[in-house]
């Protein structure tokens, strides 16, 4: 699956990617956690977004895996408050640093 997405704030694109991954918000519990576990079991790459850093660190420890080529994590935990513009920008910067994606100004 090839996922392309763009994040917008106030009508302005702040991040775009062509990463072959799923970005899951609320990945620490409930439906987000269920989706994360299911997709990881299928071999997909996951960007796990949650406001709870402790839960994300536990997930990263539990699912410490690399992609087939062995250079990038299959699970990238990103602490982010999706209601806060600055938090989203910081999270997207982390994703770009790890996966080398294109960021828009």
PDB file of N, CA and C in Angstrom:
ATOM      1  N   UNK A   1       0.843  -1.184   0.000  1.00  0.00           N
ATOM      2  CA  UNK A   1       0.000   0.000   0.000  1.00  0.00           C
ATOM      3  C   UNK A   1       0.880   1.237   0.000  1.00  0.00           C
ATOM      4  N   UNK A   2       0.588   2.126  -0.867  1.00  0.00           N
ATOM      5  CA  UNK A   2       1.340   3.376  -0.973  1.00  0.00           C
ATOM      6  C   UNK A   2       0.453   4.490  -0.439  1.00  0.00           C
ATOM      7  N   UNK A   3       0.868   5.115   0.653  1.00  0.00           N
ATOM      8  CA  UNK A   3       0.062   6.145   1.296  1.00  0.00           C
ATOM      9  C   UNK A   3       0.649   7.511   1.006  1.00  0.00           C
ATOM     10  N   UNK A   4      -0.175   8.388   0.511  1.00  0.00           N
ATOM     11  CA  UNK A   4       0.216   9.780   0.318  1.00  0.00           C
ATOM     12  C   UNK A   4      -0.720  10.628   1.161  1.00  0.00           C
ATOM     13  N   UNK A   5      -0.160  11.559   1.909  1.00  0.00           N
ATOM     14  CA  UNK A   5      -1.032  12.440   2.665  1.00  0.00           C
ATOM     15  C   UNK A   5      -0.405  13.808   2.799  1.00  0.00           C
ATOM     16  N   UNK A   6      -1.257  14.771   3.028  1.00  0.00           N
ATOM     17  CA  UNK A   6      -0.824  16.138   3.255  1.00  0.00           C
ATOM     18  C   UNK A   6      -1.538  16.638   4.498  1.00  0.00           C
ATOM     19  N   UNK A   7      -0.808  17.327   5.349  1.00  0.00           N
ATOM     20  CA  UNK A   7      -1.382  17.909   6.561  1.00  0.00           C
ATOM     21  C   UNK A   7      -1.562  19.407   6.316  1.00  0.00           C
ATOM     22  N   UNK A   8      -2.739  19.915   6.621  1.00  0.00           N
ATOM     23  CA  UNK A   8      -3.053  21.325   6.430  1.00  0.00           C
ATOM     24  C   UNK A   8      -3.389  21.987   7.761  1.00  0.00           C
ATOM     25  N   UNK A   9      -2.963  23.225   7.925  1.00  0.00           N
ATOM     26  CA  UNK A   9      -3.379  24.078   9.032  1.00  0.00           C
ATOM     27  C   UNK A   9      -3.767  25.416   8.445  1.00  0.00           C
ATOM     28  N   UNK A  10      -4.960  25.869   8.753  1.00  0.00           N
ATOM     29  CA  UNK A  10      -5.462  27.154   8.262  1.00  0.00           C
ATOM     30  C   UNK A  10      -5.318  27.266   6.744  1.00  0.00           C
ATOM     31  N   UNK A  11      -5.616  26.182   6.049  1.00  0.00           N
ATOM     32  CA  UNK A  11      -5.587  26.173   4.596  1.00  0.00           C
ATOM     33  C   UNK A  11      -4.203  26.121   3.970  1.00  0.00           C
ATOM     34  N   UNK A  12      -3.150  25.992   4.782  1.00  0.00           N
ATOM     35  CA  UNK A  12      -1.779  25.955   4.258  1.00  0.00           C
ATOM     36  C   UNK A  12      -1.177  24.572   4.473  1.00  0.00           C
ATOM     37  N   UNK A  13      -0.637  23.993   3.414  1.00  0.00           N
ATOM     38  CA  UNK A  13       0.010  22.691   3.527  1.00  0.00           C
ATOM     39  C   UNK A  13       1.290  22.844   4.326  1.00  0.00           C
ATOM     40  N   UNK A  14       1.429  22.028   5.367  1.00  0.00           N
ATOM     41  CA  UNK A  14       2.635  22.090   6.188  1.00  0.00           C
ATOM     42  C   UNK A  14       3.491  20.834   6.064  1.00  0.00           C
ATOM     43  N   UNK A  15       2.942  19.767   5.508  1.00  0.00           N
ATOM     44  CA  UNK A  15       3.707  18.527   5.373  1.00  0.00           C
ATOM     45  C   UNK A  15       3.047  17.645   4.326  1.00  0.00           C
ATOM     46  N   UNK A  16       3.866  17.018   3.493  1.00  0.00           N
ATOM     47  CA  UNK A  16       3.361  16.055   2.512  1.00  0.00           C
ATOM     48  C   UNK A  16       4.331  14.892   2.448  1.00  0.00           C
ATOM     49  N   UNK A  17       3.813  13.707   2.167  1.00  0.00           N
ATOM     50  CA  UNK A  17       4.681  12.540   2.121  1.00  0.00           C
ATOM     51  C   UNK A  17       4.218  11.546   1.057  1.00  0.00           C
ATOM     52  N   UNK A  18       5.152  10.766   0.583  1.00  0.00           N
ATOM     53  CA  UNK A  18       4.885   9.623  -0.279  1.00  0.00           C
ATOM     54  C   UNK A  18       5.365   8.355   0.403  1.00  0.00           C
ATOM     55  N   UNK A  19       5.407   8.362   1.711  1.00  0.00           N
ATOM     56  CA  UNK A  19       5.905   7.248   2.497  1.00  0.00           C
ATOM     57  C   UNK A  19       4.962   6.053   2.411  1.00  0.00           C
ATOM     58  N   UNK A  20       5.533   4.871   2.277  1.00  0.00           N
ATOM     59  CA  UNK A  20       4.741   3.643   2.295  1.00  0.00           C
ATOM     60  C   UNK A  20       4.494   3.244   3.741  1.00  0.00           C
ATOM     61  N   UNK A  21       3.527   3.894   4.372  1.00  0.00           N
ATOM     62  CA  UNK A  21       3.268   3.669   5.794  1.00  0.00           C
ATOM     63  C   UNK A  21       1.867   4.126   6.143  1.00  0.00           C
ATOM     64  N   UNK A  22       1.454   3.727   7.338  1.00  0.00           N
ATOM     65  CA  UNK A  22       0.208   4.214   7.900  1.00  0.00           C
ATOM     66  C   UNK A  22       0.532   5.138   9.049  1.00  0.00           C
ATOM     67  N   UNK A  23      -0.088   6.298   9.101  1.00  0.00           N
ATOM     68  CA  UNK A  23       0.011   7.191  10.233  1.00  0.00           C
ATOM     69  C   UNK A  23      -1.266   7.003  11.041  1.00  0.00           C
ATOM     70  N   UNK A  24      -1.126   6.543  12.287  1.00  0.00           N
ATOM     71  CA  UNK A  24      -2.286   6.244  13.124  1.00  0.00           C
ATOM     72  C   UNK A  24      -2.286   7.193  14.313  1.00  0.00           C
ATOM     73  N   UNK A  25      -3.328   8.008  14.414  1.00  0.00           N
ATOM     74  CA  UNK A  25      -3.479   8.863  15.586  1.00  0.00           C
ATOM     75  C   UNK A  25      -4.220   8.078  16.663  1.00  0.00           C
ATOM     76  N   UNK A  26      -3.939   8.394  17.915  1.00  0.00           N
ATOM     77  CA  UNK A  26      -4.544   7.645  19.024  1.00  0.00           C
ATOM     78  C   UNK A  26      -4.041   6.221  19.062  1.00  0.00           C
ATOM     79  N   UNK A  27      -2.785   6.024  18.674  1.00  0.00           N
ATOM     80  CA  UNK A  27      -2.220   4.682  18.536  1.00  0.00           C
ATOM     81  C   UNK A  27      -1.978   3.979  19.864  1.00  0.00           C
ATOM     82  N   UNK A  28      -2.069   4.708  20.967  1.00  0.00           N
ATOM     83  CA  UNK A  28      -1.760   4.125  22.261  1.00  0.00           C
ATOM     84  C   UNK A  28      -2.859   3.291  22.879  1.00  0.00           C
ATOM     85  N   UNK A  29      -4.082   3.441  22.385  1.00  0.00           N
ATOM     86  CA  UNK A  29      -5.190   2.695  22.993  1.00  0.00           C
ATOM     87  C   UNK A  29      -6.362   2.585  22.027  1.00  0.00           C
ATOM     88  N   UNK A  30      -7.323   1.778  22.410  1.00  0.00           N
ATOM     89  CA  UNK A  30      -8.579   1.663  21.670  1.00  0.00           C
ATOM     90  C   UNK A  30      -8.421   1.223  20.228  1.00  0.00           C
ATOM     91  N   UNK A  31      -9.206   1.864  19.342  1.00  0.00           N
ATOM     92  CA  UNK A  31      -9.190   1.507  17.925  1.00  0.00           C
ATOM     93  C   UNK A  31      -7.826   1.753  17.291  1.00  0.00           C
ATOM     94  N   UNK A  32      -7.167   2.840  17.689  1.00  0.00           N
ATOM     95  CA  UNK A  32      -5.838   3.126  17.145  1.00  0.00           C
ATOM     96  C   UNK A  32      -4.848   2.025  17.470  1.00  0.00           C
ATOM     97  N   UNK A  33      -4.889   1.554  18.700  1.00  0.00           N
ATOM     98  CA  UNK A  33      -3.993   0.475  19.121  1.00  0.00           C
ATOM     99  C   UNK A  33      -4.318  -0.815  18.372  1.00  0.00           C
ATOM    100  N   UNK A  34      -5.600  -1.103  18.227  1.00  0.00           N
ATOM    101  CA  UNK A  34      -6.009  -2.291  17.484  1.00  0.00           C
ATOM    102  C   UNK A  34      -5.557  -2.245  16.035  1.00  0.00           C
ATOM    103  N   UNK A  35      -5.703  -1.082  15.402  1.00  0.00           N
ATOM    104  CA  UNK A  35      -5.261  -0.929  14.010  1.00  0.00           C
ATOM    105  C   UNK A  35      -3.750  -1.093  13.911  1.00  0.00           C
ATOM    106  N   UNK A  36      -3.026  -0.497  14.849  1.00  0.00           N
ATOM    107  CA  UNK A  36      -1.567  -0.609  14.885  1.00  0.00           C
ATOM    108  C   UNK A  36      -1.137  -2.067  14.959  1.00  0.00           C
ATOM    109  N   UNK A  37      -1.695  -2.796  15.893  1.00  0.00           N
ATOM    110  CA  UNK A  37      -1.305  -4.202  16.080  1.00  0.00           C
ATOM    111  C   UNK A  37      -1.649  -5.045  14.852  1.00  0.00           C
ATOM    112  N   UNK A  38      -2.811  -4.814  14.274  1.00  0.00           N
ATOM    113  CA  UNK A  38      -3.220  -5.569  13.091  1.00  0.00           C
ATOM    114  C   UNK A  38      -2.279  -5.281  11.916  1.00  0.00           C
ATOM    115  N   UNK A  39      -2.012  -3.995  11.647  1.00  0.00           N
ATOM    116  CA  UNK A  39      -1.180  -3.629  10.508  1.00  0.00           C
ATOM    117  C   UNK A  39       0.270  -4.079  10.678  1.00  0.00           C
ATOM    118  N   UNK A  40       0.783  -4.000  11.901  1.00  0.00           N
ATOM    119  CA  UNK A  40       2.129  -4.526  12.144  1.00  0.00           C
ATOM    120  C   UNK A  40       2.183  -6.026  11.891  1.00  0.00           C
ATOM    121  N   UNK A  41       1.128  -6.739  12.278  1.00  0.00           N
ATOM    122  CA  UNK A  41       1.103  -8.195  12.061  1.00  0.00           C
ATOM    123  C   UNK A  41       1.091  -8.533  10.575  1.00  0.00           C
ATOM    124  N   UNK A  42       0.644  -7.603   9.747  1.00  0.00           N
ATOM    125  CA  UNK A  42       0.626  -7.792   8.292  1.00  0.00           C
ATOM    126  C   UNK A  42       1.921  -7.325   7.632  1.00  0.00           C
ATOM    127  N   UNK A  43       2.849  -6.784   8.441  1.00  0.00           N
ATOM    128  CA  UNK A  43       4.135  -6.369   7.910  1.00  0.00           C
ATOM    129  C   UNK A  43       4.226  -4.919   7.478  1.00  0.00           C
ATOM    130  N   UNK A  44       3.211  -4.117   7.793  1.00  0.00           N
ATOM    131  CA  UNK A  44       3.220  -2.720   7.383  1.00  0.00           C
ATOM    132  C   UNK A  44       4.083  -1.855   8.292  1.00  0.00           C
ATOM    133  N   UNK A  45       4.465  -0.703   7.789  1.00  0.00           N
ATOM    134  CA  UNK A  45       5.189   0.297   8.553  1.00  0.00           C
ATOM    135  C   UNK A  45       4.175   1.255   9.162  1.00  0.00           C
ATOM    136  N   UNK A  46       4.376   1.587  10.446  1.00  0.00           N
ATOM    137  CA  UNK A  46       3.415   2.401  11.174  1.00  0.00           C
ATOM    138  C   UNK A  46       4.101   3.606  11.794  1.00  0.00           C
ATOM    139  N   UNK A  47       3.485   4.757  11.636  1.00  0.00           N
ATOM    140  CA  UNK A  47       3.842   5.946  12.396  1.00  0.00           C
ATOM    141  C   UNK A  47       2.772   6.062  13.467  1.00  0.00           C
ATOM    142  N   UNK A  48       3.159   5.769  14.706  1.00  0.00           N
ATOM    143  CA  UNK A  48       2.215   5.729  15.826  1.00  0.00           C
ATOM    144  C   UNK A  48       2.202   7.085  16.520  1.00  0.00           C
ATOM    145  N   UNK A  49       1.070   7.786  16.436  1.00  0.00           N
ATOM    146  CA  UNK A  49       0.926   9.111  17.017  1.00  0.00           C
ATOM    147  C   UNK A  49       0.010   9.026  18.227  1.00  0.00           C
ATOM    148  N   UNK A  50       0.466   9.619  19.326  1.00  0.00           N
ATOM    149  CA  UNK A  50      -0.363   9.698  20.533  1.00  0.00           C
ATOM    150  C   UNK A  50       0.183  10.815  21.403  1.00  0.00           C
ATOM    151  N   UNK A  51      -0.638  11.311  22.290  1.00  0.00           N
ATOM    152  CA  UNK A  51      -0.224  12.356  23.220  1.00  0.00           C
ATOM    153  C   UNK A  51       0.518  11.771  24.425  1.00  0.00           C
ATOM    154  N   UNK A  52       0.357  10.463  24.644  1.00  0.00           N
ATOM    155  CA  UNK A  52       0.918   9.789  25.808  1.00  0.00           C
ATOM    156  C   UNK A  52       2.284   9.178  25.461  1.00  0.00           C
ATOM    157  N   UNK A  53       3.344   9.864  25.857  1.00  0.00           N
ATOM    158  CA  UNK A  53       4.696   9.411  25.525  1.00  0.00           C
ATOM    159  C   UNK A  53       5.021   8.054  26.140  1.00  0.00           C
ATOM    160  N   UNK A  54       4.593   7.826  27.364  1.00  0.00           N
ATOM    161  CA  UNK A  54       4.894   6.568  28.052  1.00  0.00           C
ATOM    162  C   UNK A  54       4.339   5.370  27.274  1.00  0.00           C
ATOM    163  N   UNK A  55       3.116   5.482  26.812  1.00  0.00           N
ATOM    164  CA  UNK A  55       2.495   4.394  26.052  1.00  0.00           C
ATOM    165  C   UNK A  55       3.232   4.171  24.741  1.00  0.00           C
ATOM    166  N   UNK A  56       3.625   5.252  24.080  1.00  0.00           N
ATOM    167  CA  UNK A  56       4.358   5.117  22.819  1.00  0.00           C
ATOM    168  C   UNK A  56       5.705   4.443  23.022  1.00  0.00           C
ATOM    169  N   UNK A  57       6.389   4.778  24.103  1.00  0.00           N
ATOM    170  CA  UNK A  57       7.673   4.134  24.389  1.00  0.00           C
ATOM    171  C   UNK A  57       7.497   2.642  24.662  1.00  0.00           C
ATOM    172  N   UNK A  58       6.418   2.288  25.357  1.00  0.00           N
ATOM    173  CA  UNK A  58       6.121   0.871  25.597  1.00  0.00           C
ATOM    174  C   UNK A  58       5.839   0.148  24.288  1.00  0.00           C
ATOM    175  N   UNK A  59       5.097   0.787  23.391  1.00  0.00           N
ATOM    176  CA  UNK A  59       4.818   0.186  22.081  1.00  0.00           C
ATOM    177  C   UNK A  59       6.112  -0.012  21.291  1.00  0.00           C
ATOM    178  N   UNK A  60       6.959   1.010  21.292  1.00  0.00           N
ATOM    179  CA  UNK A  60       8.216   0.918  20.549  1.00  0.00           C
ATOM    180  C   UNK A  60       9.087  -0.211  21.078  1.00  0.00           C
ATOM    181  N   UNK A  61       9.103  -0.374  22.384  1.00  0.00           N
ATOM    182  CA  UNK A  61       9.884  -1.448  22.989  1.00  0.00           C
ATOM    183  C   UNK A  61       9.301  -2.819  22.639  1.00  0.00           C
ATOM    184  N   UNK A  62       7.993  -2.905  22.664  1.00  0.00           N
ATOM    185  CA  UNK A  62       7.315  -4.178  22.384  1.00  0.00           C
ATOM    186  C   UNK A  62       7.445  -4.586  20.917  1.00  0.00           C
ATOM    187  N   UNK A  63       7.384  -3.613  20.026  1.00  0.00           N
ATOM    188  CA  UNK A  63       7.402  -3.893  18.587  1.00  0.00           C
ATOM    189  C   UNK A  63       8.672  -3.355  17.938  1.00  0.00           C
ATOM    190  N   UNK A  64       9.811  -3.582  18.544  1.00  0.00           N
ATOM    191  CA  UNK A  64      11.087  -3.117  18.019  1.00  0.00           C
ATOM    192  C   UNK A  64      11.463  -3.954  16.804  1.00  0.00           C
ATOM    193  N   UNK A  65      11.093  -3.451  15.622  1.00  0.00           N
ATOM    194  CA  UNK A  65      11.341  -4.162  14.368  1.00  0.00           C
ATOM    195  C   UNK A  65      11.856  -3.168  13.343  1.00  0.00           C
ATOM    196  N   UNK A  66      12.571  -3.674  12.357  1.00  0.00           N
ATOM    197  CA  UNK A  66      13.057  -2.852  11.253  1.00  0.00           C
ATOM    198  C   UNK A  66      12.376  -3.294   9.969  1.00  0.00           C
ATOM    199  N   UNK A  67      12.350  -2.386   8.978  1.00  0.00           N
ATOM    200  CA  UNK A  67      11.852  -2.742   7.657  1.00  0.00           C
ATOM    201  C   UNK A  67      12.746  -3.816   7.061  1.00  0.00           C
ATOM    202  N   UNK A  68      12.316  -4.405   5.957  1.00  0.00           N
ATOM    203  CA  UNK A  68      13.082  -5.475   5.314  1.00  0.00           C
ATOM    204  C   UNK A  68      14.534  -5.101   5.065  1.00  0.00           C
ATOM    205  N   UNK A  69      14.772  -3.874   4.631  1.00  0.00           N
ATOM    206  CA  UNK A  69      16.153  -3.469   4.353  1.00  0.00           C
ATOM    207  C   UNK A  69      16.934  -3.230   5.648  1.00  0.00           C
ATOM    208  N   UNK A  70      16.250  -3.150   6.779  1.00  0.00           N
ATOM    209  CA  UNK A  70      16.894  -3.064   8.076  1.00  0.00           C
ATOM    210  C   UNK A  70      17.385  -1.693   8.495  1.00  0.00           C
ATOM    211  N   UNK A  71      17.030  -0.640   7.752  1.00  0.00           N
ATOM    212  CA  UNK A  71      17.549   0.681   8.080  1.00  0.00           C
ATOM    213  C   UNK A  71      16.541   1.596   8.770  1.00  0.00           C
ATOM    214  N   UNK A  72      15.269   1.390   8.543  1.00  0.00           N
ATOM    215  CA  UNK A  72      14.230   2.261   9.104  1.00  0.00           C
ATOM    216  C   UNK A  72      13.318   1.445  10.025  1.00  0.00           C
ATOM    217  N   UNK A  73      12.804   2.098  11.083  1.00  0.00           N
ATOM    218  CA  UNK A  73      11.906   1.366  11.984  1.00  0.00           C
ATOM    219  C   UNK A  73      10.561   1.080  11.326  1.00  0.00           C
ATOM    220  N   UNK A  74      10.007  -0.081  11.626  1.00  0.00           N
ATOM    221  CA  UNK A  74       8.652  -0.404  11.152  1.00  0.00           C
ATOM    222  C   UNK A  74       7.608   0.257  12.035  1.00  0.00           C
ATOM    223  N   UNK A  75       8.009   0.658  13.236  1.00  0.00           N
ATOM    224  CA  UNK A  75       7.110   1.390  14.122  1.00  0.00           C
ATOM    225  C   UNK A  75       7.854   2.623  14.620  1.00  0.00           C
ATOM    226  N   UNK A  76       7.367   3.777  14.241  1.00  0.00           N
ATOM    227  CA  UNK A  76       7.960   5.029  14.696  1.00  0.00           C
ATOM    228  C   UNK A  76       6.980   5.711  15.645  1.00  0.00           C
ATOM    229  N   UNK A  77       7.309   5.784  16.946  1.00  0.00           N
ATOM    230  CA  UNK A  77       6.434   6.481  17.884  1.00  0.00           C
ATOM    231  C   UNK A  77       6.661   7.986  17.796  1.00  0.00           C
ATOM    232  N   UNK A  78       5.566   8.742  17.697  1.00  0.00           N
ATOM    233  CA  UNK A  78       5.658  10.197  17.610  1.00  0.00           C
ATOM    234  C   UNK A  78       4.679  10.800  18.609  1.00  0.00           C
ATOM    235  N   UNK A  79       5.232  11.485  19.614  1.00  0.00           N
ATOM    236  CA  UNK A  79       4.384  12.173  20.584  1.00  0.00           C
ATOM    237  C   UNK A  79       3.841  13.417  19.903  1.00  0.00           C
ATOM    238  N   UNK A  80       2.503  13.520  19.865  1.00  0.00           N
ATOM    239  CA  UNK A  80       1.889  14.642  19.170  1.00  0.00           C
ATOM    240  C   UNK A  80       0.501  14.897  19.730  1.00  0.00           C
ATOM    241  N   UNK A  81       0.213  16.169  19.944  1.00  0.00           N
ATOM    242  CA  UNK A  81      -1.137  16.600  20.287  1.00  0.00           C
ATOM    243  C   UNK A  81      -1.729  17.156  19.001  1.00  0.00           C
ATOM    244  N   UNK A  82      -2.616  16.410  18.370  1.00  0.00           N
ATOM    245  CA  UNK A  82      -3.118  16.803  17.051  1.00  0.00           C
ATOM    246  C   UNK A  82      -3.994  18.055  17.099  1.00  0.00           C
ATOM    247  N   UNK A  83      -4.291  18.573  18.287  1.00  0.00           N
ATOM    248  CA  UNK A  83      -5.040  19.818  18.406  1.00  0.00           C
ATOM    249  C   UNK A  83      -4.112  21.025  18.520  1.00  0.00           C
ATOM    250  N   UNK A  84      -2.792  20.787  18.488  1.00  0.00           N
ATOM    251  CA  UNK A  84      -1.809  21.844  18.671  1.00  0.00           C
ATOM    252  C   UNK A  84      -0.922  21.927  17.431  1.00  0.00           C
ATOM    253  N   UNK A  85      -0.975  23.051  16.734  1.00  0.00           N
ATOM    254  CA  UNK A  85      -0.231  23.219  15.486  1.00  0.00           C
ATOM    255  C   UNK A  85       1.265  22.979  15.669  1.00  0.00           C
ATOM    256  N   UNK A  86       1.841  23.554  16.697  1.00  0.00           N
ATOM    257  CA  UNK A  86       3.280  23.410  16.934  1.00  0.00           C
ATOM    258  C   UNK A  86       3.655  21.952  17.207  1.00  0.00           C
ATOM    259  N   UNK A  87       2.828  21.251  17.957  1.00  0.00           N
ATOM    260  CA  UNK A  87       3.071  19.843  18.253  1.00  0.00           C
ATOM    261  C   UNK A  87       3.040  19.011  16.971  1.00  0.00           C
ATOM    262  N   UNK A  88       2.104  19.317  16.090  1.00  0.00           N
ATOM    263  CA  UNK A  88       2.010  18.589  14.818  1.00  0.00           C
ATOM    264  C   UNK A  88       3.240  18.881  13.962  1.00  0.00           C
ATOM    265  N   UNK A  89       3.644  20.119  13.895  1.00  0.00           N
ATOM    266  CA  UNK A  89       4.848  20.456  13.110  1.00  0.00           C
ATOM    267  C   UNK A  89       6.080  19.741  13.656  1.00  0.00           C
ATOM    268  N   UNK A  90       6.225  19.705  14.985  1.00  0.00           N
ATOM    269  CA  UNK A  90       7.363  19.009  15.586  1.00  0.00           C
ATOM    270  C   UNK A  90       7.319  17.521  15.262  1.00  0.00           C
ATOM    271  N   UNK A  91       6.132  16.926  15.341  1.00  0.00           N
ATOM    272  CA  UNK A  91       5.983  15.507  15.023  1.00  0.00           C
ATOM    273  C   UNK A  91       6.304  15.210  13.569  1.00  0.00           C
ATOM    274  N   UNK A  92       5.850  16.058  12.670  1.00  0.00           N
ATOM    275  CA  UNK A  92       6.121  15.868  11.248  1.00  0.00           C
ATOM    276  C   UNK A  92       7.611  16.022  10.957  1.00  0.00           C
ATOM    277  N   UNK A  93       8.271  16.903  11.687  1.00  0.00           N
ATOM    278  CA  UNK A  93       9.724  17.056  11.530  1.00  0.00           C
ATOM    279  C   UNK A  93      10.445  15.767  11.926  1.00  0.00           C
ATOM    280  N   UNK A  94       9.993  15.133  12.998  1.00  0.00           N
ATOM    281  CA  UNK A  94      10.593  13.859  13.420  1.00  0.00           C
ATOM    282  C   UNK A  94      10.407  12.796  12.340  1.00  0.00           C
ATOM    283  N   UNK A  95       9.213  12.731  11.776  1.00  0.00           N
ATOM    284  CA  UNK A  95       8.938  11.752  10.719  1.00  0.00           C
ATOM    285  C   UNK A  95       9.854  12.009   9.526  1.00  0.00           C
ATOM    286  N   UNK A  96       9.971  13.254   9.136  1.00  0.00           N
ATOM    287  CA  UNK A  96      10.818  13.598   7.989  1.00  0.00           C
ATOM    288  C   UNK A  96      12.275  13.246   8.249  1.00  0.00           C
ATOM    289  N   UNK A  97      12.766  13.477   9.465  1.00  0.00           N
ATOM    290  CA  UNK A  97      14.151  13.151   9.792  1.00  0.00           C
ATOM    291  C   UNK A  97      14.419  11.649   9.698  1.00  0.00           C
ATOM    292  N   UNK A  98      13.454  10.854  10.119  1.00  0.00           N
ATOM    293  CA  UNK A  98      13.638   9.403  10.105  1.00  0.00           C
ATOM    294  C   UNK A  98      13.465   8.823   8.705  1.00  0.00           C
ATOM    295  N   UNK A  99      12.429   9.252   7.993  1.00  0.00           N
ATOM    296  CA  UNK A  99      12.108   8.642   6.704  1.00  0.00           C
ATOM    297  C   UNK A  99      12.522   9.467   5.493  1.00  0.00           C
ATOM    298  N   UNK A 100      13.015  10.688   5.727  1.00  0.00           N
ATOM    299  CA  UNK A 100      13.516  11.498   4.608  1.00  0.00           C
ATOM    300  C   UNK A 100      12.458  11.967   3.662  1.00  0.00           C
ATOM    301  N   UNK A 101      11.302  12.313   4.153  1.00  0.00           N
ATOM    302  CA  UNK A 101      10.214  12.742   3.288  1.00  0.00           C
ATOM    303  C   UNK A 101      10.264  14.228   2.972  1.00  0.00           C
ATOM    304  N   UNK A 102       9.483  14.608   1.982  1.00  0.00           N
ATOM    305  CA  UNK A 102       9.410  15.971   1.524  1.00  0.00           C
ATOM    306  C   UNK A 102       8.527  16.799   2.462  1.00  0.00           C
ATOM    307  N   UNK A 103       9.038  17.903   2.912  1.00  0.00           N
ATOM    308  CA  UNK A 103       8.273  18.806   3.778  1.00  0.00           C
ATOM    309  C   UNK A 103       8.000  20.093   3.020  1.00  0.00           C
ATOM    310  N   UNK A 104       6.791  20.592   3.144  1.00  0.00           N
ATOM    311  CA  UNK A 104       6.412  21.829   2.475  1.00  0.00           C
ATOM    312  C   UNK A 104       6.465  22.990   3.451  1.00  0.00           C
ATOM    313  N   UNK A 105       6.870  24.162   2.979  1.00  0.00           N
ATOM    314  CA  UNK A 105       6.887  25.364   3.828  1.00  0.00           C
ATOM    315  C   UNK A 105       5.528  26.022   3.820  1.00  0.00           C
TER     316      UNK A 105
END
